[in-house]
Amino acid sequence: MWKPDGWDSEFKLGVVAPHADVGPEAEAQAILAGHPVTVHGARVHFAPMHPGGHIDDKIAHDPVLRFIQPDVIDPTVESLSSAPLDAIGLAFTSSSFKIGAAGERDLLTRLARSSHGIRLVTTGTATVTAIQTLELTRIAVMAPSWFDDDLCGAGGSYFTEQGVDVVSVTPSGPPGGPLAITPAATAEAVRALVARTKARAVFIAGNGQRAIGAIDQIEHELGVTALTANQVLVWSCLEGIALRGRIKGYGRLFSFG
């Protein structure tokens, strides 16, 4: 008689994303479709994004740092974590790159004081954990086209200082901004990147860069492991939850349940 209403979900996932970005929630919902999980979003203003989901051709670095300032993100985390959630993912790759691993640890320590005991995961920490779990080497990072070379350089430092074997970090994602990206364009960009770098694995960085729909095709066609920003974030948030191992079609990462 009664229809499903979401209240019986086994896991309630919170996602913090830039104000004009629908990608993180959309990709999380797609990965988790058919499973008893609900996704709950909160937004933080990010100046390079504009109404309609458009983004500057290259994002400035000051807004990247502004996104994670105490007077900006802390109230958002405090508000979102007042809900009965099980984990919160911070869907913003560039801040991890910009502040480095030590700064990211400090950020998580600070935000833990506002999260009411709910576990927090950044895209950066999730990516490093996934890479270590899969024991990946020769990783090419495909940053979105709106990252500049300096931000990509910071991304390279972020990974190498944590012992991750990256062979390339470049703004080699499909051009045109988040709304122009398709799975086919993502797969083609990865093909070109792998051919150029001889990478054994690819991390498609940027939570606003549409990517999860191409994971399965990339892994089967190219024989490389494909990680994406929102994929690793969901995977990490589901740590210790049995349903993580039941997710299919979004990369070999989920076989490590």
Protein backbone atom coordinates (compact mmCIF):
# COMPACT_ATOMS: atom_id res chain seq x y z
CA MET A 1 0.00 0.00 0.00
CA TRP A 2 2.70 2.49 1.00
CA LYS A 3 5.21 3.69 -1.56
CA PRO A 4 8.95 4.05 -0.83
CA ASP A 5 9.62 7.47 0.66
CA GLY A 6 13.37 7.39 1.35
CA TRP A 7 13.06 7.17 5.11
CA ASP A 8 14.19 3.54 5.20
CA SER A 9 17.53 4.29 3.51
CA GLU A 10 20.50 2.41 4.91
CA PHE A 11 22.84 5.33 4.35
CA LYS A 12 22.34 9.09 4.17
CA LEU A 13 25.13 10.84 2.29
CA GLY A 14 25.79 14.56 2.57
CA VAL A 15 27.58 16.43 -0.21
CA VAL A 16 29.04 19.96 -0.04
CA ALA A 17 29.49 21.48 -3.50
CA PRO A 18 29.93 24.86 -5.22
CA HIS A 19 26.68 26.80 -5.44
CA ALA A 20 26.11 26.40 -9.21
CA ASP A 21 27.39 22.83 -9.61
CA VAL A 22 24.87 19.99 -9.88
CA GLY A 23 27.51 17.42 -10.88
CA PRO A 24 28.49 15.95 -7.49
CA GLU A 25 24.94 15.17 -6.36
CA ALA A 26 23.92 13.97 -9.83
CA GLU A 27 26.85 11.59 -10.10
CA ALA A 28 26.43 10.34 -6.53
CA GLN A 29 22.76 9.63 -7.21
CA ALA A 30 23.63 7.81 -10.42
CA ILE A 31 26.24 5.60 -8.73
CA LEU A 32 23.86 4.80 -5.88
CA ALA A 33 20.72 4.29 -7.97
CA GLY A 34 18.82 1.17 -6.95
CA HIS A 35 20.46 1.08 -3.53
CA PRO A 36 18.91 2.22 -0.23
CA VAL A 37 20.88 5.48 -0.06
CA THR A 38 19.73 9.10 -0.11
CA VAL A 39 21.89 12.08 -1.11
CA HIS A 40 21.58 15.46 0.64
CA GLY A 41 23.38 18.52 -0.72
CA ALA A 42 24.58 21.85 0.63
CA ARG A 43 26.03 24.72 -1.37
CA VAL A 44 28.95 27.10 -0.89
CA HIS A 45 29.36 30.20 -3.04
CA PHE A 46 32.20 29.92 -5.57
CA ALA A 47 32.85 33.09 -7.53
CA PRO A 48 34.08 31.54 -10.82
CA MET A 49 30.71 29.79 -11.25
CA HIS A 50 27.72 31.64 -12.66
CA PRO A 51 23.95 31.13 -13.04
CA GLY A 52 23.08 28.20 -15.22
CA GLY A 53 26.13 26.20 -14.10
CA HIS A 54 28.65 28.06 -16.25
CA ILE A 55 32.27 28.47 -15.13
CA ASP A 56 35.15 30.76 -16.08
CA ASP A 57 37.54 29.43 -18.73
CA LYS A 58 40.25 29.33 -16.05
CA ILE A 59 39.34 29.63 -12.38
CA ALA A 60 41.19 32.12 -10.20
CA HIS A 61 42.98 30.76 -7.14
CA ASP A 62 41.70 33.21 -4.54
CA PRO A 63 38.12 31.86 -4.74
CA VAL A 64 39.49 28.31 -4.41
CA LEU A 65 41.00 29.31 -1.06
CA ARG A 66 37.96 31.38 -0.13
CA PHE A 67 35.73 28.31 -0.50
CA ILE A 68 37.36 26.65 2.55
CA GLN A 69 37.72 29.68 4.83
CA PRO A 70 36.21 29.27 8.33
CA ASP A 71 33.50 31.87 7.81
CA VAL A 72 32.41 30.20 4.55
CA ILE A 73 32.53 26.42 4.72
CA ASP A 74 32.33 25.85 8.49
CA PRO A 75 28.74 27.15 8.85
CA THR A 76 27.72 25.06 5.84
CA VAL A 77 29.17 21.89 7.35
CA GLU A 78 27.61 22.69 10.72
CA SER A 79 24.21 23.22 9.12
CA LEU A 80 24.31 20.13 6.91
CA SER A 81 25.60 17.89 9.69
CA SER A 82 22.67 18.86 11.89
CA ALA A 83 20.71 16.42 9.73
CA PRO A 84 20.89 12.70 10.59
CA LEU A 85 23.59 11.87 8.04
CA ASP A 86 26.15 9.06 8.00
CA ALA A 87 29.00 10.80 6.14
CA ILE A 88 29.69 14.07 4.34
CA GLY A 89 31.81 14.40 1.21
CA LEU A 90 33.46 17.70 0.36
CA ALA A 91 33.16 17.76 -3.43
CA PHE A 92 35.89 20.23 -4.34
CA THR A 93 39.13 18.87 -5.78
CA SER A 94 40.94 22.16 -6.29
CA SER A 95 41.04 23.11 -2.60
CA SER A 96 42.86 19.86 -1.82
CA PHE A 97 45.39 20.67 -4.52
CA LYS A 98 45.82 24.26 -3.42
CA ILE A 99 46.43 23.74 0.33
CA GLY A 100 48.35 20.47 0.13
CA ALA A 101 48.10 17.37 2.28
CA ALA A 102 49.07 19.07 5.55
CA GLY A 103 46.63 21.92 4.99
CA GLU A 104 43.91 19.42 4.17
CA ARG A 105 44.51 17.55 7.43
CA ASP A 106 44.22 20.85 9.30
CA LEU A 107 41.01 21.64 7.42
CA LEU A 108 39.43 18.31 8.38
CA THR A 109 40.50 18.73 12.00
CA ARG A 110 38.89 22.16 12.09
CA LEU A 111 35.68 21.06 10.39
CA ALA A 112 35.35 18.09 12.74
CA ARG A 113 34.51 20.62 15.45
CA SER A 114 31.41 21.58 13.44
CA SER A 115 30.29 18.20 12.08
CA HIS A 116 28.50 16.79 15.15
CA GLY A 117 30.58 13.62 14.95
CA ILE A 118 29.69 12.87 11.32
CA ARG A 119 32.65 11.60 9.30
CA LEU A 120 34.04 14.04 6.73
CA VAL A 121 35.83 13.06 3.53
CA THR A 122 37.54 15.33 1.00
CA THR A 123 37.97 14.42 -2.64
CA GLY A 124 41.74 14.53 -2.12
CA THR A 125 41.84 12.15 0.84
CA ALA A 126 39.42 9.82 -0.94
CA THR A 127 41.60 9.75 -4.05
CA VAL A 128 44.81 8.97 -2.18
CA THR A 129 43.06 6.21 -0.20
CA ALA A 130 41.70 4.69 -3.41
CA ILE A 131 45.11 4.81 -5.09
CA GLN A 132 46.76 3.17 -2.10
CA THR A 133 44.04 0.52 -1.84
CA LEU A 134 44.45 -0.42 -5.50
CA GLU A 135 48.26 -0.07 -5.33
CA LEU A 136 48.25 2.04 -8.49
CA THR A 137 51.36 3.35 -10.22
CA ARG A 138 52.02 5.51 -13.29
CA ILE A 139 48.92 7.63 -12.77
CA ALA A 140 47.98 10.41 -15.17
CA VAL A 141 45.74 13.10 -13.69
CA MET A 142 43.24 14.58 -16.13
CA ALA A 143 42.29 17.89 -14.55
CA PRO A 144 39.37 19.84 -16.02
CA SER A 145 40.02 22.42 -18.71
CA TRP A 146 39.24 25.23 -16.23
CA PHE A 147 42.30 24.40 -14.06
CA ASP A 148 45.38 26.41 -15.01
CA ASP A 149 48.92 25.06 -15.15
CA ASP A 150 49.77 26.39 -11.68
CA LEU A 151 46.80 24.61 -10.10
CA CYS A 152 47.77 21.42 -11.91
CA GLY A 153 51.32 21.86 -10.59
CA ALA A 154 49.89 22.12 -7.09
CA GLY A 155 47.98 18.91 -7.77
CA GLY A 156 51.18 17.17 -8.76
CA SER A 157 52.84 18.26 -5.53
CA TYR A 158 49.79 17.20 -3.54
CA PHE A 159 50.12 13.63 -4.80
CA THR A 160 53.89 13.24 -4.88
CA GLU A 161 54.30 14.46 -1.29
CA GLN A 162 52.04 11.57 -0.28
CA GLY A 163 54.05 9.00 -2.21
CA VAL A 164 51.67 8.72 -5.17
CA ASP A 165 53.34 7.89 -8.49
CA VAL A 166 51.94 10.49 -10.89
CA VAL A 167 53.39 10.81 -14.37
CA SER A 168 51.33 13.78 -15.52
CA VAL A 169 48.92 16.41 -14.14
CA THR A 170 47.45 18.51 -16.94
CA PRO A 171 44.23 20.43 -17.76
CA SER A 172 43.52 17.84 -20.43
CA GLY A 173 39.80 17.30 -19.81
CA PRO A 174 37.24 18.08 -22.52
CA PRO A 175 36.91 21.82 -23.24
CA GLY A 176 33.80 23.92 -22.92
CA GLY A 177 32.95 23.78 -19.23
CA PRO A 178 30.82 21.34 -17.19
CA LEU A 179 27.70 21.66 -19.35
CA ALA A 180 29.57 20.71 -22.55
CA ILE A 181 31.17 17.52 -21.26
CA THR A 182 29.76 14.13 -22.30
CA PRO A 183 30.90 10.58 -21.49
CA ALA A 184 32.10 10.23 -25.09
CA ALA A 185 34.19 13.39 -24.83
CA THR A 186 35.63 12.24 -21.52
CA ALA A 187 36.57 8.83 -22.93
CA GLU A 188 38.23 10.43 -25.96
CA ALA A 189 40.25 12.76 -23.74
CA VAL A 190 41.39 9.82 -21.64
CA ARG A 191 42.41 7.87 -24.76
CA ALA A 192 44.61 10.76 -25.84
CA LEU A 193 46.07 11.16 -22.35
CA VAL A 194 46.93 7.47 -22.00
CA ALA A 195 48.47 7.37 -25.49
CA ARG A 196 50.63 10.38 -24.63
CA THR A 197 51.72 9.34 -21.12
CA LYS A 198 51.59 5.51 -21.23
CA ALA A 199 49.76 5.70 -17.92
CA ARG A 200 48.49 2.58 -16.18
CA ALA A 201 45.78 4.48 -14.33
CA VAL A 202 43.93 7.76 -14.76
CA PHE A 203 42.42 10.05 -12.16
CA ILE A 204 39.79 12.35 -13.68
CA ALA A 205 39.98 15.26 -11.27
CA GLY A 206 37.43 18.01 -10.67
CA ASN A 207 34.05 17.21 -9.12
CA GLY A 208 32.36 19.36 -11.74
CA GLN A 209 33.90 17.37 -14.61
CA ARG A 210 31.35 14.84 -15.87
CA ALA A 211 33.08 11.47 -15.82
CA ILE A 212 31.39 8.51 -14.11
CA GLY A 213 29.44 7.44 -17.18
CA ALA A 214 32.71 6.75 -19.01
CA ILE A 215 34.48 4.71 -16.28
CA ASP A 216 33.35 1.26 -17.39
CA GLN A 217 34.13 1.88 -21.07
CA ILE A 218 37.56 3.36 -20.29
CA GLU A 219 38.59 0.41 -18.13
CA HIS A 220 37.40 -2.20 -20.61
CA GLU A 221 38.76 -0.52 -23.73
CA LEU A 222 42.11 0.77 -22.48
CA GLY A 223 42.95 -1.75 -19.75
CA VAL A 224 43.70 1.03 -17.26
CA THR A 225 42.12 1.76 -13.90
CA ALA A 226 39.85 4.80 -14.02
CA LEU A 227 39.20 6.89 -10.93
CA THR A 228 37.05 10.02 -10.89
CA ALA A 229 36.49 12.72 -8.31
CA ASN A 230 32.89 11.88 -7.45
CA GLN A 231 33.41 8.12 -7.74
CA VAL A 232 36.19 8.06 -5.14
CA LEU A 233 34.25 10.44 -2.89
CA VAL A 234 31.21 8.15 -2.82
CA TRP A 235 33.41 5.07 -2.40
CA SER A 236 35.27 6.58 0.54
CA CYS A 237 32.11 7.86 2.24
CA LEU A 238 30.72 4.29 2.11
CA GLU A 239 33.72 2.84 3.96
CA GLY A 240 32.64 -0.03 6.20
CA ILE A 241 29.20 -0.28 4.57
CA ALA A 242 28.36 -3.61 2.90
CA LEU A 243 26.51 -2.03 -0.01
CA ARG A 244 29.77 -0.49 -1.27
CA GLY A 245 30.75 -3.86 -2.69
CA ARG A 246 27.37 -4.23 -4.41
CA ILE A 247 27.82 -1.23 -6.71
CA LYS A 248 28.47 -2.32 -10.28
CA GLY A 249 29.35 -0.55 -13.50
CA TYR A 250 31.33 2.34 -12.02
CA GLY A 251 34.84 0.97 -11.95
CA ARG A 252 36.90 -1.80 -10.44
CA LEU A 253 37.35 0.38 -7.36
CA PHE A 254 33.98 -0.79 -6.01
CA SER A 255 35.12 -4.42 -6.13
CA PHE A 256 37.24 -3.46 -3.11
CA GLY A 257 34.16 -3.20 -0.91
